[in-house]
Amino acid sequence: MLRRFVEDHDRLRSIIAEFDRHLKSSQAPTDVAFARLRWTLARQVAVHVALERRALPDMFARTATPDLYRGLDHDLDCELNRQMTEWTASAIEASWAEYRSITANLLARLRRRMVFEEKKIFPALA
């Protein structure tokens, strides 16, 4: 299980790095690759969170550390899904600065969540 979580984090970091390159641009990317990247991020976060929701609560309920699971940012995937539906390609192009800001905040939350998992949850899984 731990190996799977580590692999997920490696994939997420790669996706985030690519996203960061796009967010540094002064103009909204309008290519299909950016749309694909957005969906890849959403899908990878959804898969990772689904795995956590299936595996972690029961595991932590049997240990002395059930608060670890409650310490996760459980709204992050919902926020990301909401962003995916609300921010269409035309909305992104029309309000690129706002989109960049909102997305940068979501990616920062995702990074914090991964650090929390790596420092607190991964050791409990080992």
N, C-alpha and C. Protein backbone atom coordinates (compact mmCIF):
# COMPACT_ATOMS: atom_id res chain seq x y z
N MET A 1 0.83 -1.20 0.00
CA MET A 1 0.00 0.00 0.00
C MET A 1 0.87 1.26 0.00
N LEU A 2 1.88 1.27 0.84
CA LEU A 2 2.76 2.44 0.93
C LEU A 2 3.39 2.73 -0.43
N ARG A 3 3.84 1.69 -1.11
CA ARG A 3 4.46 1.87 -2.42
C ARG A 3 3.51 2.57 -3.39
N ARG A 4 2.25 2.17 -3.36
CA ARG A 4 1.25 2.78 -4.24
C ARG A 4 1.09 4.27 -3.94
N PHE A 5 1.06 4.63 -2.66
CA PHE A 5 0.93 6.03 -2.28
C PHE A 5 2.15 6.84 -2.74
N VAL A 6 3.33 6.27 -2.57
CA VAL A 6 4.55 6.95 -3.00
C VAL A 6 4.54 7.15 -4.51
N GLU A 7 4.13 6.14 -5.26
CA GLU A 7 4.05 6.26 -6.72
C GLU A 7 3.03 7.32 -7.13
N ASP A 8 1.91 7.38 -6.42
CA ASP A 8 0.91 8.42 -6.69
C ASP A 8 1.51 9.80 -6.49
N HIS A 9 2.24 9.98 -5.41
CA HIS A 9 2.85 11.28 -5.13
C HIS A 9 3.88 11.64 -6.21
N ASP A 10 4.63 10.66 -6.67
CA ASP A 10 5.60 10.93 -7.75
C ASP A 10 4.87 11.41 -9.01
N ARG A 11 3.77 10.75 -9.35
CA ARG A 11 3.00 11.16 -10.53
C ARG A 11 2.41 12.56 -10.33
N LEU A 12 1.87 12.81 -9.14
CA LEU A 12 1.29 14.12 -8.86
C LEU A 12 2.34 15.22 -8.94
N ARG A 13 3.52 14.99 -8.42
CA ARG A 13 4.57 16.00 -8.48
C ARG A 13 4.96 16.31 -9.93
N SER A 14 4.99 15.30 -10.75
CA SER A 14 5.30 15.50 -12.16
C SER A 14 4.21 16.35 -12.84
N ILE A 15 2.97 16.04 -12.56
CA ILE A 15 1.85 16.80 -13.13
C ILE A 15 1.88 18.24 -12.62
N ILE A 16 2.11 18.43 -11.34
CA ILE A 16 2.17 19.76 -10.75
C ILE A 16 3.29 20.58 -11.39
N ALA A 17 4.44 19.97 -11.59
CA ALA A 17 5.57 20.68 -12.21
C ALA A 17 5.19 21.17 -13.61
N GLU A 18 4.50 20.32 -14.37
CA GLU A 18 4.06 20.73 -15.70
C GLU A 18 3.03 21.85 -15.59
N PHE A 19 2.13 21.76 -14.64
CA PHE A 19 1.13 22.80 -14.41
C PHE A 19 1.81 24.12 -14.08
N ASP A 20 2.80 24.07 -13.21
CA ASP A 20 3.53 25.29 -12.82
C ASP A 20 4.14 25.99 -14.03
N ARG A 21 4.66 25.22 -14.97
CA ARG A 21 5.23 25.82 -16.19
C ARG A 21 4.16 26.59 -16.96
N HIS A 22 2.97 26.03 -17.05
CA HIS A 22 1.88 26.72 -17.74
C HIS A 22 1.44 27.96 -16.98
N LEU A 23 1.39 27.87 -15.66
CA LEU A 23 0.89 28.99 -14.87
C LEU A 23 1.84 30.19 -14.87
N LYS A 24 3.07 30.00 -15.27
CA LYS A 24 4.03 31.11 -15.34
C LYS A 24 3.82 31.96 -16.59
N SER A 25 3.06 31.44 -17.52
CA SER A 25 2.82 32.15 -18.77
C SER A 25 1.91 33.37 -18.53
N SER A 26 2.17 34.42 -19.26
CA SER A 26 1.33 35.61 -19.13
C SER A 26 0.02 35.47 -19.89
N GLN A 27 -0.05 34.48 -20.77
CA GLN A 27 -1.27 34.25 -21.53
C GLN A 27 -1.78 32.83 -21.29
N ALA A 28 -3.07 32.70 -21.33
CA ALA A 28 -3.69 31.39 -21.12
C ALA A 28 -3.31 30.42 -22.23
N PRO A 29 -2.92 29.21 -21.87
CA PRO A 29 -2.68 28.20 -22.90
C PRO A 29 -4.01 27.78 -23.51
N THR A 30 -4.02 27.65 -24.80
CA THR A 30 -5.27 27.30 -25.48
C THR A 30 -5.16 25.97 -26.22
N ASP A 31 -4.09 25.26 -25.98
CA ASP A 31 -3.88 24.00 -26.70
C ASP A 31 -4.56 22.83 -25.97
N VAL A 32 -4.71 21.77 -26.71
CA VAL A 32 -5.34 20.56 -26.18
C VAL A 32 -4.48 19.95 -25.07
N ALA A 33 -3.18 20.11 -25.14
CA ALA A 33 -2.29 19.55 -24.13
C ALA A 33 -2.60 20.11 -22.74
N PHE A 34 -2.94 21.39 -22.66
CA PHE A 34 -3.27 21.97 -21.36
C PHE A 34 -4.58 21.41 -20.83
N ALA A 35 -5.56 21.27 -21.70
CA ALA A 35 -6.84 20.67 -21.28
C ALA A 35 -6.61 19.25 -20.79
N ARG A 36 -5.79 18.51 -21.49
CA ARG A 36 -5.47 17.13 -21.09
C ARG A 36 -4.74 17.12 -19.74
N LEU A 37 -3.85 18.08 -19.54
CA LEU A 37 -3.12 18.17 -18.27
C LEU A 37 -4.08 18.43 -17.11
N ARG A 38 -5.03 19.32 -17.32
CA ARG A 38 -6.02 19.62 -16.27
C ARG A 38 -6.78 18.35 -15.88
N TRP A 39 -7.23 17.60 -16.87
CA TRP A 39 -7.99 16.38 -16.59
C TRP A 39 -7.10 15.29 -15.98
N THR A 40 -5.86 15.26 -16.38
CA THR A 40 -4.93 14.29 -15.80
C THR A 40 -4.73 14.58 -14.32
N LEU A 41 -4.58 15.85 -13.96
CA LEU A 41 -4.44 16.21 -12.55
C LEU A 41 -5.68 15.83 -11.76
N ALA A 42 -6.83 16.19 -12.28
CA ALA A 42 -8.09 15.88 -11.58
C ALA A 42 -8.26 14.38 -11.40
N ARG A 43 -7.97 13.64 -12.45
CA ARG A 43 -8.12 12.17 -12.39
C ARG A 43 -7.13 11.58 -11.38
N GLN A 44 -5.89 12.03 -11.41
CA GLN A 44 -4.88 11.47 -10.50
C GLN A 44 -5.22 11.78 -9.05
N VAL A 45 -5.68 12.98 -8.77
CA VAL A 45 -6.09 13.33 -7.40
C VAL A 45 -7.29 12.47 -6.99
N ALA A 46 -8.24 12.31 -7.88
CA ALA A 46 -9.43 11.51 -7.56
C ALA A 46 -9.05 10.06 -7.26
N VAL A 47 -8.16 9.49 -8.06
CA VAL A 47 -7.73 8.11 -7.84
C VAL A 47 -7.01 8.00 -6.50
N HIS A 48 -6.13 8.93 -6.21
CA HIS A 48 -5.37 8.91 -4.96
C HIS A 48 -6.30 9.04 -3.75
N VAL A 49 -7.21 9.99 -3.82
CA VAL A 49 -8.12 10.21 -2.69
C VAL A 49 -9.06 9.01 -2.52
N ALA A 50 -9.51 8.42 -3.61
CA ALA A 50 -10.38 7.24 -3.51
C ALA A 50 -9.64 6.09 -2.83
N LEU A 51 -8.39 5.91 -3.17
CA LEU A 51 -7.59 4.87 -2.51
C LEU A 51 -7.47 5.16 -1.01
N GLU A 52 -7.21 6.40 -0.68
CA GLU A 52 -7.12 6.77 0.73
C GLU A 52 -8.44 6.53 1.46
N ARG A 53 -9.53 6.93 0.85
CA ARG A 53 -10.84 6.78 1.49
C ARG A 53 -11.20 5.31 1.69
N ARG A 54 -10.69 4.47 0.82
CA ARG A 54 -10.97 3.04 0.95
C ARG A 54 -10.05 2.38 1.98
N ALA A 55 -8.79 2.75 2.00
CA ALA A 55 -7.81 2.01 2.79
C ALA A 55 -7.51 2.62 4.16
N LEU A 56 -7.45 3.92 4.24
CA LEU A 56 -6.93 4.52 5.47
C LEU A 56 -7.86 4.51 6.68
N PRO A 57 -9.15 4.82 6.54
CA PRO A 57 -9.98 4.88 7.74
C PRO A 57 -9.97 3.59 8.56
N ASP A 58 -10.13 2.46 7.89
CA ASP A 58 -10.14 1.19 8.62
C ASP A 58 -8.79 0.91 9.26
N MET A 59 -7.74 1.20 8.52
CA MET A 59 -6.41 0.96 9.06
C MET A 59 -6.16 1.81 10.30
N PHE A 60 -6.50 3.09 10.22
CA PHE A 60 -6.25 3.97 11.35
C PHE A 60 -7.22 3.73 12.50
N ALA A 61 -8.40 3.22 12.21
CA ALA A 61 -9.35 2.90 13.28
C ALA A 61 -8.81 1.77 14.16
N ARG A 62 -7.97 0.91 13.56
CA ARG A 62 -7.40 -0.20 14.31
C ARG A 62 -6.10 0.17 15.03
N THR A 63 -5.64 1.38 14.83
CA THR A 63 -4.38 1.80 15.45
C THR A 63 -4.66 2.87 16.49
N ALA A 64 -3.61 3.32 17.08
CA ALA A 64 -3.73 4.38 18.09
C ALA A 64 -3.67 5.77 17.46
N THR A 65 -3.74 5.85 16.14
CA THR A 65 -3.58 7.15 15.47
C THR A 65 -4.72 7.49 14.51
N PRO A 66 -5.97 7.35 14.92
CA PRO A 66 -7.07 7.65 13.99
C PRO A 66 -7.12 9.13 13.59
N ASP A 67 -6.54 10.03 14.38
CA ASP A 67 -6.56 11.45 14.05
C ASP A 67 -5.75 11.78 12.81
N LEU A 68 -4.83 10.91 12.45
CA LEU A 68 -4.03 11.17 11.26
C LEU A 68 -4.92 11.30 10.02
N TYR A 69 -5.86 10.41 9.86
CA TYR A 69 -6.73 10.46 8.69
C TYR A 69 -7.58 11.72 8.71
N ARG A 70 -8.06 12.10 9.88
CA ARG A 70 -8.88 13.31 9.98
C ARG A 70 -8.04 14.56 9.72
N GLY A 71 -6.71 14.46 9.82
CA GLY A 71 -5.84 15.61 9.59
C GLY A 71 -5.64 15.95 8.12
N LEU A 72 -6.14 15.12 7.23
CA LEU A 72 -6.00 15.39 5.79
C LEU A 72 -6.95 16.50 5.35
N ASP A 73 -6.59 17.16 4.27
CA ASP A 73 -7.45 18.17 3.64
C ASP A 73 -8.47 17.42 2.78
N HIS A 74 -9.60 17.09 3.37
CA HIS A 74 -10.58 16.23 2.69
C HIS A 74 -11.43 16.96 1.66
N ASP A 75 -11.35 18.26 1.59
CA ASP A 75 -12.14 19.01 0.62
C ASP A 75 -11.39 19.30 -0.67
N LEU A 76 -10.12 18.97 -0.70
CA LEU A 76 -9.29 19.33 -1.85
C LEU A 76 -9.80 18.73 -3.15
N ASP A 77 -10.14 17.46 -3.15
CA ASP A 77 -10.61 16.85 -4.40
C ASP A 77 -11.93 17.47 -4.86
N CYS A 78 -12.80 17.82 -3.92
CA CYS A 78 -14.06 18.47 -4.29
C CYS A 78 -13.80 19.85 -4.90
N GLU A 79 -12.88 20.59 -4.31
CA GLU A 79 -12.52 21.91 -4.84
C GLU A 79 -11.95 21.78 -6.25
N LEU A 80 -11.09 20.79 -6.44
CA LEU A 80 -10.50 20.59 -7.75
C LEU A 80 -11.56 20.20 -8.78
N ASN A 81 -12.48 19.33 -8.40
CA ASN A 81 -13.57 18.96 -9.32
C ASN A 81 -14.45 20.15 -9.65
N ARG A 82 -14.73 20.97 -8.65
CA ARG A 82 -15.54 22.17 -8.89
C ARG A 82 -14.81 23.10 -9.86
N GLN A 83 -13.51 23.25 -9.67
CA GLN A 83 -12.73 24.10 -10.56
C GLN A 83 -12.76 23.57 -12.00
N MET A 84 -12.69 22.26 -12.13
CA MET A 84 -12.69 21.66 -13.47
C MET A 84 -13.99 21.95 -14.21
N THR A 85 -15.10 21.93 -13.50
CA THR A 85 -16.38 22.16 -14.17
C THR A 85 -16.68 23.64 -14.36
N GLU A 86 -16.27 24.47 -13.41
CA GLU A 86 -16.57 25.90 -13.50
C GLU A 86 -15.65 26.63 -14.47
N TRP A 87 -14.41 26.19 -14.56
CA TRP A 87 -13.45 26.88 -15.41
C TRP A 87 -13.34 26.17 -16.75
N THR A 88 -14.16 26.60 -17.66
CA THR A 88 -14.10 26.09 -19.03
C THR A 88 -12.90 26.73 -19.74
N ALA A 89 -12.58 26.22 -20.91
CA ALA A 89 -11.47 26.79 -21.68
C ALA A 89 -11.70 28.27 -21.96
N SER A 90 -12.91 28.65 -22.31
CA SER A 90 -13.19 30.06 -22.60
C SER A 90 -13.11 30.91 -21.33
N ALA A 91 -13.55 30.38 -20.20
CA ALA A 91 -13.45 31.12 -18.94
C ALA A 91 -11.99 31.31 -18.53
N ILE A 92 -11.19 30.29 -18.74
CA ILE A 92 -9.76 30.39 -18.43
C ILE A 92 -9.11 31.46 -19.29
N GLU A 93 -9.42 31.44 -20.56
CA GLU A 93 -8.83 32.43 -21.48
C GLU A 93 -9.29 33.85 -21.13
N ALA A 94 -10.55 34.01 -20.74
CA ALA A 94 -11.09 35.33 -20.42
C ALA A 94 -10.57 35.87 -19.09
N SER A 95 -10.28 34.98 -18.15
CA SER A 95 -9.86 35.41 -16.80
C SER A 95 -8.62 34.65 -16.35
N TRP A 96 -7.60 34.67 -17.18
CA TRP A 96 -6.38 33.91 -16.93
C TRP A 96 -5.74 34.26 -15.59
N ALA A 97 -5.66 35.52 -15.24
CA ALA A 97 -5.02 35.92 -13.98
C ALA A 97 -5.76 35.32 -12.78
N GLU A 98 -7.06 35.38 -12.81
CA GLU A 98 -7.86 34.80 -11.72
C GLU A 98 -7.69 33.28 -11.67
N TYR A 99 -7.75 32.65 -12.83
CA TYR A 99 -7.56 31.20 -12.89
C TYR A 99 -6.19 30.81 -12.34
N ARG A 100 -5.17 31.53 -12.74
CA ARG A 100 -3.81 31.24 -12.26
C ARG A 100 -3.75 31.32 -10.74
N SER A 101 -4.35 32.35 -10.17
CA SER A 101 -4.33 32.53 -8.72
C SER A 101 -5.06 31.39 -8.01
N ILE A 102 -6.25 31.07 -8.47
CA ILE A 102 -7.04 30.00 -7.85
C ILE A 102 -6.31 28.66 -7.98
N THR A 103 -5.76 28.41 -9.15
CA THR A 103 -5.07 27.14 -9.39
C THR A 103 -3.80 27.05 -8.56
N ALA A 104 -3.06 28.14 -8.47
CA ALA A 104 -1.84 28.15 -7.65
C ALA A 104 -2.18 27.82 -6.19
N ASN A 105 -3.29 28.35 -5.70
CA ASN A 105 -3.71 28.06 -4.32
C ASN A 105 -4.09 26.58 -4.17
N LEU A 106 -4.79 26.03 -5.14
CA LEU A 106 -5.14 24.60 -5.08
C LEU A 106 -3.90 23.72 -5.12
N LEU A 107 -2.96 24.07 -5.98
CA LEU A 107 -1.73 23.29 -6.06
C LEU A 107 -0.92 23.39 -4.78
N ALA A 108 -0.93 24.56 -4.14
CA ALA A 108 -0.25 24.70 -2.84
C ALA A 108 -0.91 23.81 -1.79
N ARG A 109 -2.23 23.76 -1.81
CA ARG A 109 -2.94 22.87 -0.88
C ARG A 109 -2.59 21.42 -1.15
N LEU A 110 -2.52 21.05 -2.41
CA LEU A 110 -2.16 19.68 -2.77
C LEU A 110 -0.75 19.36 -2.29
N ARG A 111 0.18 20.28 -2.48
CA ARG A 111 1.55 20.06 -1.99
C ARG A 111 1.58 19.88 -0.47
N ARG A 112 0.83 20.74 0.24
CA ARG A 112 0.78 20.63 1.72
C ARG A 112 0.20 19.28 2.13
N ARG A 113 -0.83 18.86 1.43
CA ARG A 113 -1.44 17.56 1.74
C ARG A 113 -0.45 16.43 1.53
N MET A 114 0.30 16.48 0.45
CA MET A 114 1.29 15.43 0.19
C MET A 114 2.38 15.43 1.25
N VAL A 115 2.82 16.60 1.66
CA VAL A 115 3.84 16.68 2.72
C VAL A 115 3.28 16.09 4.02
N PHE A 116 2.04 16.42 4.35
CA PHE A 116 1.41 15.86 5.55
C PHE A 116 1.37 14.34 5.47
N GLU A 117 0.95 13.83 4.32
CA GLU A 117 0.88 12.38 4.15
C GLU A 117 2.26 11.75 4.31
N GLU A 118 3.25 12.37 3.69
CA GLU A 118 4.60 11.80 3.72
C GLU A 118 5.21 11.83 5.12
N LYS A 119 4.91 12.88 5.87
CA LYS A 119 5.48 13.01 7.22
C LYS A 119 4.68 12.25 8.27
N LYS A 120 3.38 12.19 8.12
CA LYS A 120 2.53 11.63 9.17
C LYS A 120 1.94 10.26 8.82
N ILE A 121 1.45 10.13 7.61
CA ILE A 121 0.72 8.90 7.26
C ILE A 121 1.66 7.82 6.73
N PHE A 122 2.58 8.18 5.87
CA PHE A 122 3.48 7.17 5.30
C PHE A 122 4.22 6.40 6.38
N PRO A 123 4.76 7.06 7.41
CA PRO A 123 5.42 6.28 8.46
C PRO A 123 4.48 5.29 9.15
N ALA A 124 3.22 5.66 9.30
CA ALA A 124 2.26 4.76 9.93
C ALA A 124 1.95 3.57 9.01
N LEU A 125 2.08 3.76 7.71
CA LEU A 125 1.84 2.66 6.76
C LEU A 125 3.02 1.72 6.68
N ALA A 126 4.21 2.25 6.98
CA ALA A 126 5.43 1.44 6.82
C ALA A 126 5.48 0.27 7.78
